[in-house]
Amino acid sequence: MDVPGNIGCVLANNQGLCLGVKGNASEQSAGIIVAISDLASKLDPSSSAPVISLESNDKICMIHKHGITGAIYKQKGA
């Protein structure tokens, strides 16, 4: 969260339960974030865990799984 442009983050376990939230993020998104990560990893099961980037007009959400699943929300252009 100390990186300029980061506005929020969510951490979740493998079952989608929220482990922590900071900044402008919702603990209710934890399950969806894990589901997105799990589905994306099925696209190429032989590769390492993907980094997923979702973009809107003003924000970017980057999702990655490394033991637990994390999502970082960034302000675009910052």
PDB file of N, CA and C in Angstrom:
ATOM      1  N   MET A   1       0.817  -1.204   0.000  1.00  0.00           N
ATOM      2  CA  MET A   1       0.000   0.000   0.000  1.00  0.00           C
ATOM      3  C   MET A   1       0.855   1.260   0.000  1.00  0.00           C
ATOM      4  N   ASP A   2       2.139   1.146   0.287  1.00  0.00           N
ATOM      5  CA  ASP A   2       2.996   2.319   0.348  1.00  0.00           C
ATOM      6  C   ASP A   2       3.427   2.822  -1.027  1.00  0.00           C
ATOM      7  N   VAL A   3       3.121   2.053  -2.073  1.00  0.00           N
ATOM      8  CA  VAL A   3       3.500   2.452  -3.429  1.00  0.00           C
ATOM      9  C   VAL A   3       2.504   3.503  -3.933  1.00  0.00           C
ATOM     10  N   PRO A   4       2.983   4.619  -4.474  1.00  0.00           N
ATOM     11  CA  PRO A   4       2.063   5.639  -4.997  1.00  0.00           C
ATOM     12  C   PRO A   4       1.122   5.050  -6.048  1.00  0.00           C
ATOM     13  N   GLY A   5      -0.140   5.398  -5.940  1.00  0.00           N
ATOM     14  CA  GLY A   5      -1.139   4.901  -6.881  1.00  0.00           C
ATOM     15  C   GLY A   5      -1.948   3.743  -6.344  1.00  0.00           C
ATOM     16  N   ASN A   6      -1.417   3.012  -5.361  1.00  0.00           N
ATOM     17  CA  ASN A   6      -2.182   1.925  -4.749  1.00  0.00           C
ATOM     18  C   ASN A   6      -3.269   2.528  -3.864  1.00  0.00           C
ATOM     19  N   ILE A   7      -4.505   2.044  -4.068  1.00  0.00           N
ATOM     20  CA  ILE A   7      -5.615   2.598  -3.289  1.00  0.00           C
ATOM     21  C   ILE A   7      -6.297   1.565  -2.402  1.00  0.00           C
ATOM     22  N   GLY A   8      -5.980   0.286  -2.600  1.00  0.00           N
ATOM     23  CA  GLY A   8      -6.578  -0.746  -1.761  1.00  0.00           C
ATOM     24  C   GLY A   8      -6.006  -2.110  -2.044  1.00  0.00           C
ATOM     25  N   CYS A   9      -6.217  -3.041  -1.106  1.00  0.00           N
ATOM     26  CA  CYS A   9      -5.784  -4.419  -1.318  1.00  0.00           C
ATOM     27  C   CYS A   9      -6.667  -5.372  -0.515  1.00  0.00           C
ATOM     28  N   VAL A  10      -6.747  -6.605  -1.009  1.00  0.00           N
ATOM     29  CA  VAL A  10      -7.517  -7.674  -0.365  1.00  0.00           C
ATOM     30  C   VAL A  10      -6.656  -8.924  -0.380  1.00  0.00           C
ATOM     31  N   LEU A  11      -6.650  -9.659   0.724  1.00  0.00           N
ATOM     32  CA  LEU A  11      -5.996 -10.967   0.800  1.00  0.00           C
ATOM     33  C   LEU A  11      -7.049 -11.994   1.179  1.00  0.00           C
ATOM     34  N   ALA A  12      -6.995 -13.173   0.526  1.00  0.00           N
ATOM     35  CA  ALA A  12      -7.990 -14.216   0.776  1.00  0.00           C
ATOM     36  C   ALA A  12      -7.328 -15.588   0.777  1.00  0.00           C
ATOM     37  N   ASN A  13      -7.908 -16.515   1.559  1.00  0.00           N
ATOM     38  CA  ASN A  13      -7.384 -17.885   1.563  1.00  0.00           C
ATOM     39  C   ASN A  13      -7.959 -18.666   0.385  1.00  0.00           C
ATOM     40  N   ASN A  14      -7.586 -19.937   0.278  1.00  0.00           N
ATOM     41  CA  ASN A  14      -8.001 -20.756  -0.868  1.00  0.00           C
ATOM     42  C   ASN A  14      -9.507 -20.992  -0.941  1.00  0.00           C
ATOM     43  N   GLN A  15     -10.209 -20.826   0.183  1.00  0.00           N
ATOM     44  CA  GLN A  15     -11.662 -20.997   0.188  1.00  0.00           C
ATOM     45  C   GLN A  15     -12.402 -19.690  -0.101  1.00  0.00           C
ATOM     46  N   GLY A  16     -11.664 -18.613  -0.300  1.00  0.00           N
ATOM     47  CA  GLY A  16     -12.288 -17.337  -0.597  1.00  0.00           C
ATOM     48  C   GLY A  16     -12.648 -16.514   0.620  1.00  0.00           C
ATOM     49  N   LEU A  17     -12.169 -16.926   1.795  1.00  0.00           N
ATOM     50  CA  LEU A  17     -12.447 -16.160   3.003  1.00  0.00           C
ATOM     51  C   LEU A  17     -11.440 -15.021   3.126  1.00  0.00           C
ATOM     52  N   CYS A  18     -11.930 -13.859   3.444  1.00  0.00           N
ATOM     53  CA  CYS A  18     -11.089 -12.669   3.526  1.00  0.00           C
ATOM     54  C   CYS A  18     -10.135 -12.772   4.711  1.00  0.00           C
ATOM     55  N   LEU A  19      -8.852 -12.559   4.446  1.00  0.00           N
ATOM     56  CA  LEU A  19      -7.839 -12.545   5.495  1.00  0.00           C
ATOM     57  C   LEU A  19      -7.482 -11.117   5.912  1.00  0.00           C
ATOM     58  N   GLY A  20      -7.741 -10.170   5.036  1.00  0.00           N
ATOM     59  CA  GLY A  20      -7.442  -8.785   5.355  1.00  0.00           C
ATOM     60  C   GLY A  20      -7.776  -7.852   4.214  1.00  0.00           C
ATOM     61  N   VAL A  21      -8.119  -6.637   4.582  1.00  0.00           N
ATOM     62  CA  VAL A  21      -8.454  -5.586   3.608  1.00  0.00           C
ATOM     63  C   VAL A  21      -7.821  -4.291   4.088  1.00  0.00           C
ATOM     64  N   LYS A  22      -7.326  -3.523   3.162  1.00  0.00           N
ATOM     65  CA  LYS A  22      -6.787  -2.213   3.514  1.00  0.00           C
ATOM     66  C   LYS A  22      -7.136  -1.221   2.410  1.00  0.00           C
ATOM     67  N   GLY A  23      -7.407  -0.009   2.798  1.00  0.00           N
ATOM     68  CA  GLY A  23      -7.698   1.034   1.825  1.00  0.00           C
ATOM     69  C   GLY A  23      -9.077   0.896   1.215  1.00  0.00           C
ATOM     70  N   ASN A  24      -9.185   1.314  -0.024  1.00  0.00           N
ATOM     71  CA  ASN A  24     -10.456   1.340  -0.743  1.00  0.00           C
ATOM     72  C   ASN A  24     -10.698  -0.007  -1.428  1.00  0.00           C
ATOM     73  N   ALA A  25     -11.049  -1.009  -0.634  1.00  0.00           N
ATOM     74  CA  ALA A  25     -11.337  -2.359  -1.127  1.00  0.00           C
ATOM     75  C   ALA A  25     -12.400  -2.968  -0.228  1.00  0.00           C
ATOM     76  N   SER A  26     -13.090  -3.966  -0.729  1.00  0.00           N
ATOM     77  CA  SER A  26     -14.174  -4.585   0.026  1.00  0.00           C
ATOM     78  C   SER A  26     -13.860  -6.037   0.354  1.00  0.00           C
ATOM     79  N   GLU A  27     -14.084  -6.424   1.606  1.00  0.00           N
ATOM     80  CA  GLU A  27     -13.870  -7.831   1.980  1.00  0.00           C
ATOM     81  C   GLU A  27     -14.864  -8.750   1.273  1.00  0.00           C
ATOM     82  N   GLN A  28     -15.962  -8.206   0.788  1.00  0.00           N
ATOM     83  CA  GLN A  28     -16.953  -9.010   0.068  1.00  0.00           C
ATOM     84  C   GLN A  28     -16.436  -9.477  -1.288  1.00  0.00           C
ATOM     85  N   SER A  29     -15.371  -8.873  -1.784  1.00  0.00           N
ATOM     86  CA  SER A  29     -14.818  -9.270  -3.079  1.00  0.00           C
ATOM     87  C   SER A  29     -13.836 -10.440  -2.975  1.00  0.00           C
ATOM     88  N   ALA A  30     -13.502 -10.870  -1.771  1.00  0.00           N
ATOM     89  CA  ALA A  30     -12.491 -11.914  -1.575  1.00  0.00           C
ATOM     90  C   ALA A  30     -12.829 -13.203  -2.331  1.00  0.00           C
ATOM     91  N   GLY A  31     -14.048 -13.681  -2.217  1.00  0.00           N
ATOM     92  CA  GLY A  31     -14.449 -14.920  -2.891  1.00  0.00           C
ATOM     93  C   GLY A  31     -14.384 -14.820  -4.398  1.00  0.00           C
ATOM     94  N   ILE A  32     -14.800 -13.692  -4.935  1.00  0.00           N
ATOM     95  CA  ILE A  32     -14.767 -13.472  -6.390  1.00  0.00           C
ATOM     96  C   ILE A  32     -13.320 -13.427  -6.884  1.00  0.00           C
ATOM     97  N   ILE A  33     -12.452 -12.778  -6.115  1.00  0.00           N
ATOM     98  CA  ILE A  33     -11.045 -12.672  -6.495  1.00  0.00           C
ATOM     99  C   ILE A  33     -10.403 -14.058  -6.571  1.00  0.00           C
ATOM    100  N   VAL A  34     -10.683 -14.910  -5.589  1.00  0.00           N
ATOM    101  CA  VAL A  34     -10.148 -16.279  -5.601  1.00  0.00           C
ATOM    102  C   VAL A  34     -10.720 -17.061  -6.782  1.00  0.00           C
ATOM    103  N   ALA A  35     -12.014 -16.916  -7.047  1.00  0.00           N
ATOM    104  CA  ALA A  35     -12.640 -17.631  -8.166  1.00  0.00           C
ATOM    105  C   ALA A  35     -12.033 -17.202  -9.505  1.00  0.00           C
ATOM    106  N   ILE A  36     -11.804 -15.908  -9.689  1.00  0.00           N
ATOM    107  CA  ILE A  36     -11.186 -15.417 -10.925  1.00  0.00           C
ATOM    108  C   ILE A  36      -9.788 -16.010 -11.082  1.00  0.00           C
ATOM    109  N   SER A  37      -9.016 -15.999 -10.006  1.00  0.00           N
ATOM    110  CA  SER A  37      -7.659 -16.545 -10.043  1.00  0.00           C
ATOM    111  C   SER A  37      -7.672 -18.044 -10.376  1.00  0.00           C
ATOM    112  N   ASP A  38      -8.570 -18.790  -9.736  1.00  0.00           N
ATOM    113  CA  ASP A  38      -8.665 -20.235  -9.988  1.00  0.00           C
ATOM    114  C   ASP A  38      -9.056 -20.530 -11.432  1.00  0.00           C
ATOM    115  N   LEU A  39     -10.024 -19.790 -11.957  1.00  0.00           N
ATOM    116  CA  LEU A  39     -10.455 -20.012 -13.339  1.00  0.00           C
ATOM    117  C   LEU A  39      -9.369 -19.637 -14.336  1.00  0.00           C
ATOM    118  N   ALA A  40      -8.669 -18.544 -14.099  1.00  0.00           N
ATOM    119  CA  ALA A  40      -7.602 -18.128 -15.005  1.00  0.00           C
ATOM    120  C   ALA A  40      -6.470 -19.153 -15.023  1.00  0.00           C
ATOM    121  N   SER A  41      -6.176 -19.775 -13.883  1.00  0.00           N
ATOM    122  CA  SER A  41      -5.092 -20.765 -13.838  1.00  0.00           C
ATOM    123  C   SER A  41      -5.447 -22.034 -14.609  1.00  0.00           C
ATOM    124  N   LYS A  42      -6.729 -22.273 -14.842  1.00  0.00           N
ATOM    125  CA  LYS A  42      -7.158 -23.451 -15.603  1.00  0.00           C
ATOM    126  C   LYS A  42      -6.959 -23.267 -17.111  1.00  0.00           C
ATOM    127  N   LEU A  43      -6.714 -22.030 -17.557  1.00  0.00           N
ATOM    128  CA  LEU A  43      -6.491 -21.795 -18.978  1.00  0.00           C
ATOM    129  C   LEU A  43      -5.201 -22.463 -19.457  1.00  0.00           C
ATOM    130  N   ASP A  44      -4.191 -22.499 -18.602  1.00  0.00           N
ATOM    131  CA  ASP A  44      -2.921 -23.162 -18.917  1.00  0.00           C
ATOM    132  C   ASP A  44      -2.386 -23.808 -17.647  1.00  0.00           C
ATOM    133  N   PRO A  45      -2.894 -25.008 -17.309  1.00  0.00           N
ATOM    134  CA  PRO A  45      -2.533 -25.649 -16.040  1.00  0.00           C
ATOM    135  C   PRO A  45      -1.042 -25.952 -15.883  1.00  0.00           C
ATOM    136  N   SER A  46      -0.295 -26.019 -16.977  1.00  0.00           N
ATOM    137  CA  SER A  46       1.122 -26.359 -16.880  1.00  0.00           C
ATOM    138  C   SER A  46       1.999 -25.153 -16.533  1.00  0.00           C
ATOM    139  N   SER A  47       1.447 -23.938 -16.566  1.00  0.00           N
ATOM    140  CA  SER A  47       2.252 -22.752 -16.262  1.00  0.00           C
ATOM    141  C   SER A  47       2.055 -22.341 -14.801  1.00  0.00           C
ATOM    142  N   SER A  48       2.875 -21.398 -14.360  1.00  0.00           N
ATOM    143  CA  SER A  48       2.752 -20.903 -12.989  1.00  0.00           C
ATOM    144  C   SER A  48       1.497 -20.037 -12.867  1.00  0.00           C
ATOM    145  N   ALA A  49       1.178 -19.660 -11.644  1.00  0.00           N
ATOM    146  CA  ALA A  49      -0.035 -18.884 -11.379  1.00  0.00           C
ATOM    147  C   ALA A  49      -0.006 -17.570 -12.159  1.00  0.00           C
ATOM    148  N   PRO A  50      -1.074 -17.272 -12.876  1.00  0.00           N
ATOM    149  CA  PRO A  50      -1.095 -16.043 -13.690  1.00  0.00           C
ATOM    150  C   PRO A  50      -1.304 -14.794 -12.839  1.00  0.00           C
ATOM    151  N   VAL A  51      -0.928 -13.673 -13.390  1.00  0.00           N
ATOM    152  CA  VAL A  51      -1.288 -12.373 -12.831  1.00  0.00           C
ATOM    153  C   VAL A  51      -2.415 -11.847 -13.709  1.00  0.00           C
ATOM    154  N   ILE A  52      -3.551 -11.568 -13.087  1.00  0.00           N
ATOM    155  CA  ILE A  52      -4.730 -11.116 -13.823  1.00  0.00           C
ATOM    156  C   ILE A  52      -4.877  -9.618 -13.614  1.00  0.00           C
ATOM    157  N   SER A  53      -5.095  -8.885 -14.686  1.00  0.00           N
ATOM    158  CA  SER A  53      -5.278  -7.443 -14.601  1.00  0.00           C
ATOM    159  C   SER A  53      -6.657  -7.087 -15.157  1.00  0.00           C
ATOM    160  N   LEU A  54      -7.478  -6.488 -14.308  1.00  0.00           N
ATOM    161  CA  LEU A  54      -8.803  -6.027 -14.707  1.00  0.00           C
ATOM    162  C   LEU A  54      -8.783  -4.509 -14.683  1.00  0.00           C
ATOM    163  N   GLU A  55      -9.246  -3.882 -15.765  1.00  0.00           N
ATOM    164  CA  GLU A  55      -9.185  -2.425 -15.857  1.00  0.00           C
ATOM    165  C   GLU A  55     -10.571  -1.822 -16.059  1.00  0.00           C
ATOM    166  N   SER A  56     -10.794  -0.694 -15.403  1.00  0.00           N
ATOM    167  CA  SER A  56     -11.984   0.116 -15.650  1.00  0.00           C
ATOM    168  C   SER A  56     -11.488   1.474 -16.142  1.00  0.00           C
ATOM    169  N   ASN A  57     -12.371   2.440 -16.222  1.00  0.00           N
ATOM    170  CA  ASN A  57     -11.973   3.765 -16.717  1.00  0.00           C
ATOM    171  C   ASN A  57     -10.901   4.415 -15.859  1.00  0.00           C
ATOM    172  N   ASP A  58     -10.993   4.220 -14.543  1.00  0.00           N
ATOM    173  CA  ASP A  58     -10.078   4.935 -13.656  1.00  0.00           C
ATOM    174  C   ASP A  58      -9.270   4.058 -12.707  1.00  0.00           C
ATOM    175  N   LYS A  59      -9.495   2.728 -12.709  1.00  0.00           N
ATOM    176  CA  LYS A  59      -8.801   1.843 -11.774  1.00  0.00           C
ATOM    177  C   LYS A  59      -8.305   0.581 -12.454  1.00  0.00           C
ATOM    178  N   ILE A  60      -7.321  -0.040 -11.819  1.00  0.00           N
ATOM    179  CA  ILE A  60      -6.792  -1.335 -12.234  1.00  0.00           C
ATOM    180  C   ILE A  60      -6.805  -2.248 -11.019  1.00  0.00           C
ATOM    181  N   CYS A  61      -7.251  -3.481 -11.213  1.00  0.00           N
ATOM    182  CA  CYS A  61      -7.216  -4.489 -10.160  1.00  0.00           C
ATOM    183  C   CYS A  61      -6.306  -5.614 -10.632  1.00  0.00           C
ATOM    184  N   MET A  62      -5.215  -5.850  -9.897  1.00  0.00           N
ATOM    185  CA  MET A  62      -4.277  -6.910 -10.250  1.00  0.00           C
ATOM    186  C   MET A  62      -4.408  -8.028  -9.223  1.00  0.00           C
ATOM    187  N   ILE A  63      -4.610  -9.265  -9.725  1.00  0.00           N
ATOM    188  CA  ILE A  63      -4.846 -10.426  -8.873  1.00  0.00           C
ATOM    189  C   ILE A  63      -3.738 -11.442  -9.101  1.00  0.00           C
ATOM    190  N   HIS A  64      -3.223 -12.008  -8.005  1.00  0.00           N
ATOM    191  CA  HIS A  64      -2.181 -13.045  -8.112  1.00  0.00           C
ATOM    192  C   HIS A  64      -2.297 -13.988  -6.920  1.00  0.00           C
ATOM    193  N   LYS A  65      -2.049 -15.263  -7.183  1.00  0.00           N
ATOM    194  CA  LYS A  65      -2.088 -16.270  -6.127  1.00  0.00           C
ATOM    195  C   LYS A  65      -0.690 -16.821  -5.893  1.00  0.00           C
ATOM    196  N   HIS A  66      -0.242 -16.743  -4.655  1.00  0.00           N
ATOM    197  CA  HIS A  66       1.032 -17.324  -4.239  1.00  0.00           C
ATOM    198  C   HIS A  66       0.824 -17.829  -2.815  1.00  0.00           C
ATOM    199  N   GLY A  67       0.237 -19.020  -2.692  1.00  0.00           N
ATOM    200  CA  GLY A  67      -0.179 -19.521  -1.378  1.00  0.00           C
ATOM    201  C   GLY A  67      -1.548 -18.972  -1.025  1.00  0.00           C
ATOM    202  N   ILE A  68      -1.612 -17.667  -0.822  1.00  0.00           N
ATOM    203  CA  ILE A  68      -2.897 -16.986  -0.658  1.00  0.00           C
ATOM    204  C   ILE A  68      -3.111 -16.112  -1.897  1.00  0.00           C
ATOM    205  N   THR A  69      -4.331 -15.646  -2.076  1.00  0.00           N
ATOM    206  CA  THR A  69      -4.641 -14.819  -3.240  1.00  0.00           C
ATOM    207  C   THR A  69      -4.717 -13.357  -2.805  1.00  0.00           C
ATOM    208  N   GLY A  70      -4.067 -12.514  -3.567  1.00  0.00           N
ATOM    209  CA  GLY A  70      -4.086 -11.093  -3.270  1.00  0.00           C
ATOM    210  C   GLY A  70      -4.548 -10.285  -4.460  1.00  0.00           C
ATOM    211  N   ALA A  71      -5.195  -9.184  -4.162  1.00  0.00           N
ATOM    212  CA  ALA A  71      -5.619  -8.232  -5.201  1.00  0.00           C
ATOM    213  C   ALA A  71      -5.181  -6.837  -4.772  1.00  0.00           C
ATOM    214  N   ILE A  72      -4.575  -6.128  -5.680  1.00  0.00           N
ATOM    215  CA  ILE A  72      -4.165  -4.748  -5.433  1.00  0.00           C
ATOM    216  C   ILE A  72      -4.959  -3.845  -6.377  1.00  0.00           C
ATOM    217  N   TYR A  73      -5.551  -2.819  -5.807  1.00  0.00           N
ATOM    218  CA  TYR A  73      -6.297  -1.843  -6.597  1.00  0.00           C
ATOM    219  C   TYR A  73      -5.426  -0.618  -6.774  1.00  0.00           C
ATOM    220  N   LYS A  74      -5.284  -0.174  -8.039  1.00  0.00           N
ATOM    221  CA  LYS A  74      -4.450   0.984  -8.347  1.00  0.00           C
ATOM    222  C   LYS A  74      -5.286   2.034  -9.060  1.00  0.00           C
ATOM    223  N   GLN A  75      -4.934   3.273  -8.820  1.00  0.00           N
ATOM    224  CA  GLN A  75      -5.548   4.372  -9.561  1.00  0.00           C
ATOM    225  C   GLN A  75      -4.810   4.495 -10.882  1.00  0.00           C
ATOM    226  N   LYS A  76      -5.542   4.545 -12.000  1.00  0.00           N
ATOM    227  CA  LYS A  76      -4.902   4.686 -13.305  1.00  0.00           C
ATOM    228  C   LYS A  76      -4.228   6.038 -13.424  1.00  0.00           C
ATOM    229  N   GLY A  77      -3.078   6.043 -14.059  1.00  0.00           N
ATOM    230  CA  GLY A  77      -2.373   7.267 -14.308  1.00  0.00           C
ATOM    231  C   GLY A  77      -1.580   7.803 -13.122  1.00  0.00           C
ATOM    232  N   ALA A  78      -1.572   7.059 -12.019  1.00  0.00           N
ATOM    233  CA  ALA A  78      -0.821   7.520 -10.838  1.00  0.00           C
ATOM    234  C   ALA A  78       0.542   6.864 -10.781  1.00  0.00           C
TER     235      ALA A  78
END
